[in-house]
Protein backbone atom coordinates (compact mmCIF):
# COMPACT_ATOMS: atom_id res chain seq x y z
CA MET A 1 -27.84 -0.47 -28.13
CA GLY A 2 -27.56 -4.16 -29.00
CA ILE A 3 -26.15 -5.65 -32.17
CA ILE A 4 -29.60 -6.60 -33.45
CA SER A 5 -30.74 -2.99 -33.06
CA TRP A 6 -27.67 -1.77 -34.97
CA ILE A 7 -28.40 -4.25 -37.77
CA ILE A 8 -32.05 -3.21 -38.00
CA LEU A 9 -31.19 0.50 -37.88
CA GLY A 10 -28.38 -0.04 -40.40
CA LEU A 11 -30.63 -1.94 -42.80
CA ILE A 12 -33.34 0.71 -42.72
CA ALA A 13 -30.90 3.65 -42.91
CA GLY A 14 -28.83 2.00 -45.64
CA PHE A 15 -31.93 1.21 -47.70
CA ILE A 16 -33.34 4.74 -47.39
CA GLY A 17 -29.92 6.31 -47.98
CA SER A 18 -29.26 4.25 -51.11
CA LYS A 19 -32.68 5.18 -52.49
CA ILE A 20 -31.85 8.85 -51.93
CA VAL A 21 -28.36 8.67 -53.43
CA ASN A 22 -28.77 6.43 -56.47
CA LYS A 23 -32.40 5.22 -56.58
CA THR A 24 -31.36 1.55 -56.31
CA GLY A 25 -30.16 -0.48 -53.37
CA GLN A 26 -26.65 -1.85 -53.03
CA GLY A 27 -27.89 -5.27 -51.90
CA MET A 28 -29.07 -6.19 -48.44
CA ILE A 29 -25.62 -6.89 -46.91
CA MET A 30 -24.03 -3.77 -48.40
CA ASP A 31 -27.06 -1.67 -47.32
CA ILE A 32 -26.64 -2.95 -43.75
CA VAL A 33 -22.89 -2.32 -43.69
CA LEU A 34 -23.13 1.15 -45.23
CA GLY A 35 -26.12 1.95 -42.99
CA ILE A 36 -24.23 0.98 -39.82
CA VAL A 37 -21.18 2.95 -40.95
CA GLY A 38 -23.55 5.79 -41.83
CA ALA A 39 -25.09 5.67 -38.35
CA ILE A 40 -21.63 6.00 -36.84
CA VAL A 41 -20.67 8.82 -39.21
CA GLY A 42 -24.00 10.57 -38.65
CA GLY A 43 -23.53 10.28 -34.89
CA LEU A 44 -20.06 11.81 -35.17
CA ILE A 45 -21.33 14.64 -37.40
CA PHE A 46 -24.23 15.47 -35.09
CA SER A 47 -22.02 15.20 -31.98
CA ALA A 48 -19.51 17.60 -33.55
CA PHE A 49 -22.30 20.18 -33.85
CA GLY A 50 -23.39 19.64 -30.24
CA SER A 51 -26.50 17.58 -30.92
CA ALA A 52 -27.35 14.04 -29.83
CA GLY A 53 -26.22 11.29 -32.17
CA VAL A 54 -27.67 7.80 -32.31
CA THR A 55 -29.50 7.27 -29.03
CA GLY A 56 -31.30 3.99 -29.61
CA LEU A 57 -33.84 2.47 -31.95
CA ASN A 58 -36.04 5.55 -32.47
CA ILE A 59 -36.97 8.13 -35.12
CA TRP A 60 -34.19 10.60 -34.18
CA SER A 61 -31.55 7.89 -34.52
CA LEU A 62 -33.01 6.84 -37.86
CA ILE A 63 -32.79 10.42 -39.15
CA VAL A 64 -29.18 10.71 -37.95
CA ALA A 65 -28.31 7.32 -39.49
CA VAL A 66 -29.96 8.17 -42.83
CA ILE A 67 -28.06 11.46 -43.06
CA GLY A 68 -24.85 9.64 -42.22
CA SER A 69 -25.55 6.88 -44.73
CA VAL A 70 -26.19 9.45 -47.47
CA VAL A 71 -22.77 10.95 -46.71
CA VAL A 72 -21.12 7.50 -46.69
CA LEU A 73 -22.90 6.38 -49.87
CA TRP A 74 -21.96 9.59 -51.66
CA ALA A 75 -18.30 9.08 -50.68
CA TYR A 76 -18.52 5.38 -51.61
CA HIS A 77 -19.75 6.25 -55.10
CA GLN A 78 -17.12 8.97 -55.50
CA PHE A 79 -14.27 6.59 -54.70
CA SER A 80 -15.56 3.36 -56.25
CA GLY A 81 -17.49 4.61 -59.28
CA LYS A 82 -16.10 4.81 -62.77
CA ARG A 83 -14.94 8.28 -63.59
CA THR A 84 -15.04 9.62 -67.10
CA LEU A 85 -13.14 12.64 -68.28
């Protein structure tokens, strides 16, 4: 998968994931970065359970990347958000 495909998949997955997690986007660059990281994390999660991870620019890869980006965004908000006691 080429770098342009990773950027497109990351942008879409990051945008969808940020809408699921906090209803607002993180900004285009942050959505792309978190989406690409999410695609990698999603691929690792799915591979650990014996399923195919990111296989190209297709619907299955988008689903894997969105699930991964939700996990990454959740962790991002847990570690970077303000915590109140």
